[in-house]
Amino acid sequence: MTNTVRPLEPSDRAQWEPLWEAYLRFYETVLPKEQYDLTWSRLLDPAEPMHAFGAFNGNGRMVGIVHAIFHRSCWLPDWTCYLQDLYVDAGQRGKGTGEALIEAVADLARQNKAGRLYWLTHESNGTARRLYDRVAQNSGFIQYRKPL
């Protein structure tokens, strides 16, 4: 059964939220419910540089999500697209769902004439890294964070 990938709509909130929560659990992160509301409103606001897609199985059940953010760069004349969050239901992994979600963001980035699409993952995320190593190039950069 092939999954359909499309931009998320307001009526998708009830299916998006459990996948978002599972993604946060994977990264051992807890956010207040107010942040869920803010994130959802930003993802659907056409004035925001944020976008979201869902992958839906043949029964209409959402089985994966991806969020992307466009921003400027000092290194490129065009927009840069950051694929911030990607999550696929455990039962759907290895079936092309993650790759289809990445390709949906790549298509959006091309449509918006972005000069680069990039993302991060944790070094311990072996399942995702196998996919990423197949569909993209590892830049070799290491991320640091300074608490504010």
N, C-alpha and C. Protein backbone atom coordinates (compact mmCIF):
# COMPACT_ATOMS: atom_id res chain seq x y z
N MET A 1 0.84 -1.18 0.00
CA MET A 1 0.00 0.00 0.00
C MET A 1 0.89 1.24 0.00
N THR A 2 0.67 2.15 -0.94
CA THR A 2 1.46 3.36 -1.06
C THR A 2 0.88 4.47 -0.19
N ASN A 3 1.77 5.20 0.46
CA ASN A 3 1.34 6.33 1.27
C ASN A 3 1.23 7.58 0.42
N THR A 4 0.32 8.45 0.78
CA THR A 4 0.15 9.74 0.13
C THR A 4 0.74 10.81 1.04
N VAL A 5 1.57 11.68 0.48
CA VAL A 5 2.15 12.78 1.24
C VAL A 5 1.51 14.08 0.76
N ARG A 6 1.06 14.88 1.73
CA ARG A 6 0.44 16.17 1.38
C ARG A 6 0.65 17.15 2.52
N PRO A 7 0.50 18.46 2.23
CA PRO A 7 0.58 19.46 3.30
C PRO A 7 -0.51 19.20 4.34
N LEU A 8 -0.17 19.48 5.59
CA LEU A 8 -1.16 19.31 6.65
C LEU A 8 -2.21 20.41 6.59
N GLU A 9 -3.41 20.04 7.03
CA GLU A 9 -4.56 20.93 7.04
C GLU A 9 -5.08 21.04 8.47
N PRO A 10 -5.89 22.06 8.77
CA PRO A 10 -6.40 22.21 10.13
C PRO A 10 -7.07 20.94 10.68
N SER A 11 -7.76 20.20 9.84
CA SER A 11 -8.46 19.00 10.30
C SER A 11 -7.52 17.85 10.65
N ASP A 12 -6.23 17.99 10.38
CA ASP A 12 -5.25 16.94 10.65
C ASP A 12 -4.68 16.99 12.07
N ARG A 13 -5.06 17.98 12.85
CA ARG A 13 -4.45 18.17 14.18
C ARG A 13 -4.54 16.91 15.05
N ALA A 14 -5.68 16.26 15.09
CA ALA A 14 -5.86 15.10 15.97
C ALA A 14 -4.93 13.95 15.59
N GLN A 15 -4.57 13.83 14.32
CA GLN A 15 -3.64 12.77 13.90
C GLN A 15 -2.19 13.22 14.01
N TRP A 16 -1.94 14.51 13.85
CA TRP A 16 -0.57 15.04 13.95
C TRP A 16 -0.04 14.94 15.37
N GLU A 17 -0.88 15.29 16.35
CA GLU A 17 -0.40 15.41 17.72
C GLU A 17 0.22 14.13 18.29
N PRO A 18 -0.37 12.95 18.10
CA PRO A 18 0.29 11.74 18.63
C PRO A 18 1.65 11.46 17.98
N LEU A 19 1.79 11.77 16.71
CA LEU A 19 3.08 11.59 16.04
C LEU A 19 4.10 12.60 16.56
N TRP A 20 3.66 13.83 16.77
CA TRP A 20 4.52 14.87 17.34
C TRP A 20 4.99 14.46 18.73
N GLU A 21 4.06 13.94 19.54
CA GLU A 21 4.40 13.49 20.89
C GLU A 21 5.38 12.32 20.85
N ALA A 22 5.20 11.40 19.92
CA ALA A 22 6.11 10.25 19.79
C ALA A 22 7.51 10.73 19.39
N TYR A 23 7.56 11.72 18.51
CA TYR A 23 8.84 12.30 18.09
C TYR A 23 9.55 12.93 19.29
N LEU A 24 8.81 13.71 20.07
CA LEU A 24 9.39 14.35 21.26
C LEU A 24 9.86 13.31 22.28
N ARG A 25 9.08 12.25 22.46
CA ARG A 25 9.49 11.17 23.37
C ARG A 25 10.79 10.52 22.91
N PHE A 26 10.91 10.31 21.60
CA PHE A 26 12.12 9.70 21.05
C PHE A 26 13.35 10.51 21.45
N TYR A 27 13.21 11.84 21.41
CA TYR A 27 14.32 12.72 21.77
C TYR A 27 14.29 13.13 23.25
N GLU A 28 13.49 12.40 24.03
CA GLU A 28 13.41 12.61 25.47
C GLU A 28 13.15 14.07 25.83
N THR A 29 12.16 14.63 25.14
CA THR A 29 11.81 16.03 25.30
C THR A 29 10.34 16.15 25.70
N VAL A 30 10.06 17.05 26.61
CA VAL A 30 8.69 17.36 27.02
C VAL A 30 8.48 18.84 26.78
N LEU A 31 7.41 19.16 26.09
CA LEU A 31 7.05 20.56 25.85
C LEU A 31 5.69 20.82 26.47
N PRO A 32 5.45 22.04 26.93
CA PRO A 32 4.12 22.37 27.45
C PRO A 32 3.10 22.35 26.32
N LYS A 33 1.86 22.01 26.65
CA LYS A 33 0.80 21.95 25.63
C LYS A 33 0.63 23.27 24.89
N GLU A 34 0.95 24.38 25.56
CA GLU A 34 0.87 25.69 24.88
C GLU A 34 1.82 25.73 23.68
N GLN A 35 2.95 25.04 23.77
CA GLN A 35 3.89 25.01 22.65
C GLN A 35 3.32 24.19 21.50
N TYR A 36 2.58 23.15 21.80
CA TYR A 36 1.92 22.37 20.74
C TYR A 36 1.00 23.30 19.95
N ASP A 37 0.19 24.09 20.68
CA ASP A 37 -0.74 25.00 20.03
C ASP A 37 0.00 26.03 19.19
N LEU A 38 1.07 26.59 19.74
CA LEU A 38 1.85 27.59 19.01
C LEU A 38 2.49 26.98 17.76
N THR A 39 3.08 25.81 17.92
CA THR A 39 3.70 25.14 16.78
C THR A 39 2.68 24.84 15.70
N TRP A 40 1.54 24.29 16.10
CA TRP A 40 0.50 23.97 15.12
C TRP A 40 0.04 25.22 14.38
N SER A 41 -0.18 26.31 15.10
CA SER A 41 -0.64 27.54 14.44
C SER A 41 0.42 28.08 13.49
N ARG A 42 1.68 27.99 13.86
CA ARG A 42 2.75 28.45 12.97
C ARG A 42 2.85 27.59 11.72
N LEU A 43 2.72 26.28 11.90
CA LEU A 43 2.82 25.38 10.75
C LEU A 43 1.74 25.65 9.71
N LEU A 44 0.59 26.14 10.15
CA LEU A 44 -0.53 26.37 9.23
C LEU A 44 -0.67 27.83 8.80
N ASP A 45 0.10 28.73 9.37
CA ASP A 45 0.00 30.15 9.07
C ASP A 45 0.79 30.48 7.80
N PRO A 46 0.12 30.91 6.72
CA PRO A 46 0.84 31.20 5.48
C PRO A 46 1.85 32.35 5.61
N ALA A 47 1.74 33.16 6.66
CA ALA A 47 2.69 34.25 6.87
C ALA A 47 3.98 33.76 7.53
N GLU A 48 3.96 32.56 8.08
CA GLU A 48 5.15 31.98 8.73
C GLU A 48 5.99 31.23 7.69
N PRO A 49 7.30 31.18 7.88
CA PRO A 49 8.16 30.44 6.94
C PRO A 49 8.23 28.95 7.29
N MET A 50 7.20 28.43 7.95
CA MET A 50 7.16 27.05 8.41
C MET A 50 6.14 26.25 7.60
N HIS A 51 6.44 24.98 7.40
CA HIS A 51 5.57 24.10 6.61
C HIS A 51 5.54 22.72 7.24
N ALA A 52 4.46 21.99 6.99
CA ALA A 52 4.33 20.64 7.52
C ALA A 52 3.63 19.75 6.50
N PHE A 53 4.11 18.52 6.41
CA PHE A 53 3.50 17.50 5.55
C PHE A 53 3.19 16.29 6.41
N GLY A 54 2.19 15.55 5.98
CA GLY A 54 1.87 14.28 6.59
C GLY A 54 1.88 13.20 5.54
N ALA A 55 2.24 11.99 5.96
CA ALA A 55 2.14 10.81 5.11
C ALA A 55 0.92 10.03 5.60
N PHE A 56 0.04 9.67 4.68
CA PHE A 56 -1.21 9.00 5.01
C PHE A 56 -1.28 7.66 4.29
N ASN A 57 -1.66 6.62 5.03
CA ASN A 57 -1.79 5.31 4.39
C ASN A 57 -3.10 5.25 3.62
N GLY A 58 -3.37 4.12 3.00
CA GLY A 58 -4.56 3.96 2.17
C GLY A 58 -5.86 4.08 2.93
N ASN A 59 -5.81 3.94 4.26
CA ASN A 59 -7.00 4.09 5.10
C ASN A 59 -7.17 5.51 5.62
N GLY A 60 -6.27 6.43 5.20
CA GLY A 60 -6.36 7.82 5.64
C GLY A 60 -5.72 8.09 6.98
N ARG A 61 -5.02 7.10 7.54
CA ARG A 61 -4.34 7.29 8.82
C ARG A 61 -2.98 7.92 8.59
N MET A 62 -2.67 8.98 9.35
CA MET A 62 -1.39 9.65 9.25
C MET A 62 -0.33 8.74 9.89
N VAL A 63 0.73 8.45 9.12
CA VAL A 63 1.77 7.53 9.59
C VAL A 63 3.14 8.19 9.66
N GLY A 64 3.22 9.46 9.28
CA GLY A 64 4.48 10.18 9.35
C GLY A 64 4.27 11.67 9.21
N ILE A 65 5.20 12.44 9.77
CA ILE A 65 5.14 13.90 9.68
C ILE A 65 6.54 14.45 9.39
N VAL A 66 6.55 15.62 8.80
CA VAL A 66 7.79 16.36 8.61
C VAL A 66 7.48 17.85 8.71
N HIS A 67 8.39 18.58 9.37
CA HIS A 67 8.27 20.04 9.50
C HIS A 67 9.50 20.67 8.85
N ALA A 68 9.30 21.77 8.17
CA ALA A 68 10.40 22.47 7.52
C ALA A 68 10.27 23.97 7.73
N ILE A 69 11.42 24.64 7.79
CA ILE A 69 11.48 26.08 8.02
C ILE A 69 12.41 26.70 6.99
N PHE A 70 11.96 27.76 6.35
CA PHE A 70 12.80 28.51 5.41
C PHE A 70 13.45 29.67 6.14
N HIS A 71 14.72 29.91 5.84
CA HIS A 71 15.43 31.05 6.43
C HIS A 71 16.50 31.54 5.47
N ARG A 72 17.01 32.72 5.73
CA ARG A 72 18.09 33.29 4.94
C ARG A 72 19.43 32.76 5.43
N SER A 73 20.43 32.92 4.61
CA SER A 73 21.78 32.48 4.94
C SER A 73 22.78 33.54 4.49
N CYS A 74 23.83 33.69 5.26
CA CYS A 74 24.92 34.59 4.86
C CYS A 74 25.75 33.98 3.73
N TRP A 75 25.59 32.70 3.49
CA TRP A 75 26.42 31.99 2.52
C TRP A 75 25.78 31.78 1.16
N LEU A 76 24.46 32.00 1.08
CA LEU A 76 23.75 31.73 -0.16
C LEU A 76 22.83 32.91 -0.51
N PRO A 77 22.64 33.18 -1.80
CA PRO A 77 21.74 34.27 -2.18
C PRO A 77 20.27 33.90 -2.03
N ASP A 78 19.97 32.61 -2.06
CA ASP A 78 18.59 32.15 -2.03
C ASP A 78 18.20 31.69 -0.62
N TRP A 79 16.95 31.31 -0.47
CA TRP A 79 16.47 30.75 0.78
C TRP A 79 17.19 29.46 1.10
N THR A 80 17.24 29.14 2.37
CA THR A 80 17.73 27.85 2.85
C THR A 80 16.56 27.17 3.54
N CYS A 81 16.43 25.87 3.34
CA CYS A 81 15.33 25.12 3.95
C CYS A 81 15.90 24.15 4.97
N TYR A 82 15.42 24.28 6.20
CA TYR A 82 15.82 23.41 7.30
C TYR A 82 14.70 22.42 7.57
N LEU A 83 14.97 21.15 7.37
CA LEU A 83 14.03 20.10 7.71
C LEU A 83 14.21 19.85 9.21
N GLN A 84 13.32 20.40 10.02
CA GLN A 84 13.53 20.40 11.46
C GLN A 84 13.12 19.09 12.12
N ASP A 85 11.98 18.55 11.76
CA ASP A 85 11.45 17.38 12.43
C ASP A 85 10.96 16.36 11.40
N LEU A 86 11.34 15.12 11.58
CA LEU A 86 10.84 14.03 10.74
C LEU A 86 10.55 12.85 11.64
N TYR A 87 9.33 12.33 11.55
CA TYR A 87 8.97 11.17 12.36
C TYR A 87 8.06 10.26 11.54
N VAL A 88 8.37 8.98 11.58
CA VAL A 88 7.56 7.97 10.91
C VAL A 88 7.17 6.93 11.96
N ASP A 89 5.90 6.56 11.98
CA ASP A 89 5.40 5.53 12.88
C ASP A 89 6.27 4.28 12.74
N ALA A 90 6.60 3.66 13.87
CA ALA A 90 7.52 2.51 13.87
C ALA A 90 7.09 1.42 12.90
N GLY A 91 5.81 1.18 12.75
CA GLY A 91 5.32 0.15 11.84
C GLY A 91 5.47 0.48 10.38
N GLN A 92 5.80 1.73 10.07
CA GLN A 92 5.94 2.17 8.68
C GLN A 92 7.40 2.35 8.25
N ARG A 93 8.31 2.19 9.17
CA ARG A 93 9.72 2.43 8.84
C ARG A 93 10.23 1.35 7.89
N GLY A 94 11.12 1.78 7.01
CA GLY A 94 11.68 0.86 6.03
C GLY A 94 10.80 0.63 4.82
N LYS A 95 9.72 1.39 4.70
CA LYS A 95 8.78 1.22 3.60
C LYS A 95 8.76 2.42 2.64
N GLY A 96 9.71 3.35 2.81
CA GLY A 96 9.79 4.50 1.92
C GLY A 96 9.06 5.73 2.41
N THR A 97 8.44 5.66 3.57
CA THR A 97 7.67 6.80 4.08
C THR A 97 8.57 7.97 4.42
N GLY A 98 9.66 7.72 5.13
CA GLY A 98 10.60 8.80 5.47
C GLY A 98 11.18 9.46 4.23
N GLU A 99 11.57 8.64 3.27
CA GLU A 99 12.12 9.18 2.03
C GLU A 99 11.09 10.02 1.29
N ALA A 100 9.83 9.57 1.27
CA ALA A 100 8.77 10.34 0.61
C ALA A 100 8.55 11.68 1.30
N LEU A 101 8.62 11.70 2.63
CA LEU A 101 8.47 12.97 3.36
C LEU A 101 9.64 13.90 3.07
N ILE A 102 10.86 13.36 3.03
CA ILE A 102 12.03 14.18 2.69
C ILE A 102 11.87 14.74 1.28
N GLU A 103 11.42 13.91 0.36
CA GLU A 103 11.27 14.36 -1.02
C GLU A 103 10.20 15.44 -1.15
N ALA A 104 9.14 15.36 -0.33
CA ALA A 104 8.11 16.42 -0.34
C ALA A 104 8.71 17.75 0.09
N VAL A 105 9.58 17.72 1.10
CA VAL A 105 10.26 18.95 1.53
C VAL A 105 11.23 19.42 0.45
N ALA A 106 11.94 18.49 -0.18
CA ALA A 106 12.86 18.86 -1.27
C ALA A 106 12.10 19.52 -2.41
N ASP A 107 10.94 18.98 -2.76
CA ASP A 107 10.12 19.59 -3.81
C ASP A 107 9.68 20.99 -3.41
N LEU A 108 9.26 21.17 -2.16
CA LEU A 108 8.87 22.49 -1.67
C LEU A 108 10.06 23.45 -1.73
N ALA A 109 11.23 22.98 -1.33
CA ALA A 109 12.43 23.81 -1.37
C ALA A 109 12.75 24.22 -2.81
N ARG A 110 12.64 23.28 -3.75
CA ARG A 110 12.88 23.61 -5.16
C ARG A 110 11.87 24.64 -5.67
N GLN A 111 10.58 24.45 -5.31
CA GLN A 111 9.54 25.38 -5.73
C GLN A 111 9.80 26.79 -5.22
N ASN A 112 10.40 26.88 -4.03
CA ASN A 112 10.71 28.18 -3.42
C ASN A 112 12.12 28.64 -3.73
N LYS A 113 12.76 27.96 -4.67
CA LYS A 113 14.10 28.32 -5.15
C LYS A 113 15.13 28.39 -4.02
N ALA A 114 15.01 27.45 -3.08
CA ALA A 114 16.00 27.37 -2.00
C ALA A 114 17.32 26.88 -2.56
N GLY A 115 18.40 27.37 -2.00
CA GLY A 115 19.73 26.96 -2.43
C GLY A 115 20.24 25.74 -1.68
N ARG A 116 19.59 25.39 -0.58
CA ARG A 116 20.06 24.26 0.23
C ARG A 116 18.91 23.70 1.06
N LEU A 117 18.92 22.39 1.23
CA LEU A 117 18.05 21.69 2.17
C LEU A 117 18.97 20.92 3.11
N TYR A 118 18.76 21.08 4.41
CA TYR A 118 19.61 20.39 5.37
C TYR A 118 18.80 19.98 6.59
N TRP A 119 19.36 19.06 7.38
CA TRP A 119 18.73 18.64 8.63
C TRP A 119 19.78 18.06 9.55
N LEU A 120 19.37 17.85 10.79
CA LEU A 120 20.23 17.29 11.83
C LEU A 120 19.57 16.03 12.38
N THR A 121 20.37 15.17 12.96
CA THR A 121 19.84 14.06 13.74
C THR A 121 20.86 13.71 14.81
N HIS A 122 20.42 13.00 15.79
CA HIS A 122 21.35 12.60 16.84
C HIS A 122 22.24 11.47 16.32
N GLU A 123 23.49 11.49 16.76
CA GLU A 123 24.45 10.48 16.28
C GLU A 123 24.00 9.06 16.61
N SER A 124 23.18 8.88 17.63
CA SER A 124 22.72 7.55 18.02
C SER A 124 21.50 7.07 17.21
N ASN A 125 20.96 7.90 16.35
CA ASN A 125 19.76 7.56 15.59
C ASN A 125 20.14 6.76 14.34
N GLY A 126 20.56 5.52 14.57
CA GLY A 126 21.05 4.68 13.48
C GLY A 126 20.03 4.40 12.40
N THR A 127 18.77 4.19 12.78
CA THR A 127 17.73 3.90 11.79
C THR A 127 17.59 5.05 10.81
N ALA A 128 17.47 6.26 11.35
CA ALA A 128 17.32 7.43 10.48
C ALA A 128 18.61 7.68 9.68
N ARG A 129 19.74 7.48 10.29
CA ARG A 129 21.01 7.76 9.61
C ARG A 129 21.22 6.84 8.41
N ARG A 130 20.72 5.62 8.46
CA ARG A 130 20.82 4.73 7.30
C ARG A 130 20.06 5.33 6.12
N LEU A 131 18.88 5.87 6.38
CA LEU A 131 18.11 6.54 5.34
C LEU A 131 18.84 7.79 4.87
N TYR A 132 19.26 8.62 5.80
CA TYR A 132 19.89 9.89 5.44
C TYR A 132 21.18 9.68 4.64
N ASP A 133 21.95 8.66 5.01
CA ASP A 133 23.18 8.37 4.27
C ASP A 133 22.88 7.95 2.83
N ARG A 134 21.71 7.41 2.60
CA ARG A 134 21.32 6.98 1.26
C ARG A 134 20.79 8.13 0.40
N VAL A 135 20.09 9.10 1.02
CA VAL A 135 19.42 10.14 0.23
C VAL A 135 20.11 11.50 0.27
N ALA A 136 21.15 11.66 1.10
CA ALA A 136 21.80 12.97 1.24
C ALA A 136 23.27 12.76 1.59
N GLN A 137 23.98 13.88 1.73
CA GLN A 137 25.39 13.84 2.11
C GLN A 137 25.56 14.35 3.53
N ASN A 138 26.35 13.66 4.31
CA ASN A 138 26.69 14.09 5.66
C ASN A 138 27.71 15.23 5.54
N SER A 139 27.35 16.40 6.08
CA SER A 139 28.23 17.58 5.95
C SER A 139 29.43 17.51 6.89
N GLY A 140 29.37 16.65 7.89
CA GLY A 140 30.47 16.54 8.83
C GLY A 140 30.44 17.56 9.95
N PHE A 141 29.48 18.47 9.93
CA PHE A 141 29.41 19.49 10.98
C PHE A 141 28.86 18.91 12.28
N ILE A 142 29.29 19.44 13.38
CA ILE A 142 28.83 19.07 14.71
C ILE A 142 28.12 20.27 15.30
N GLN A 143 26.95 20.06 15.88
CA GLN A 143 26.17 21.16 16.42
C GLN A 143 26.52 21.38 17.91
N TYR A 144 26.64 22.63 18.28
CA TYR A 144 26.81 23.03 19.69
C TYR A 144 25.65 23.92 20.07
N ARG A 145 25.28 23.88 21.36
CA ARG A 145 24.22 24.74 21.87
C ARG A 145 24.70 25.43 23.13
N LYS A 146 24.38 26.70 23.24
CA LYS A 146 24.68 27.47 24.43
C LYS A 146 23.36 27.84 25.11
N PRO A 147 23.16 27.41 26.33
CA PRO A 147 21.92 27.77 27.02
C PRO A 147 21.78 29.29 27.14
N LEU A 148 20.58 29.77 26.94
CA LEU A 148 20.29 31.20 27.03
C LEU A 148 19.38 31.49 28.21
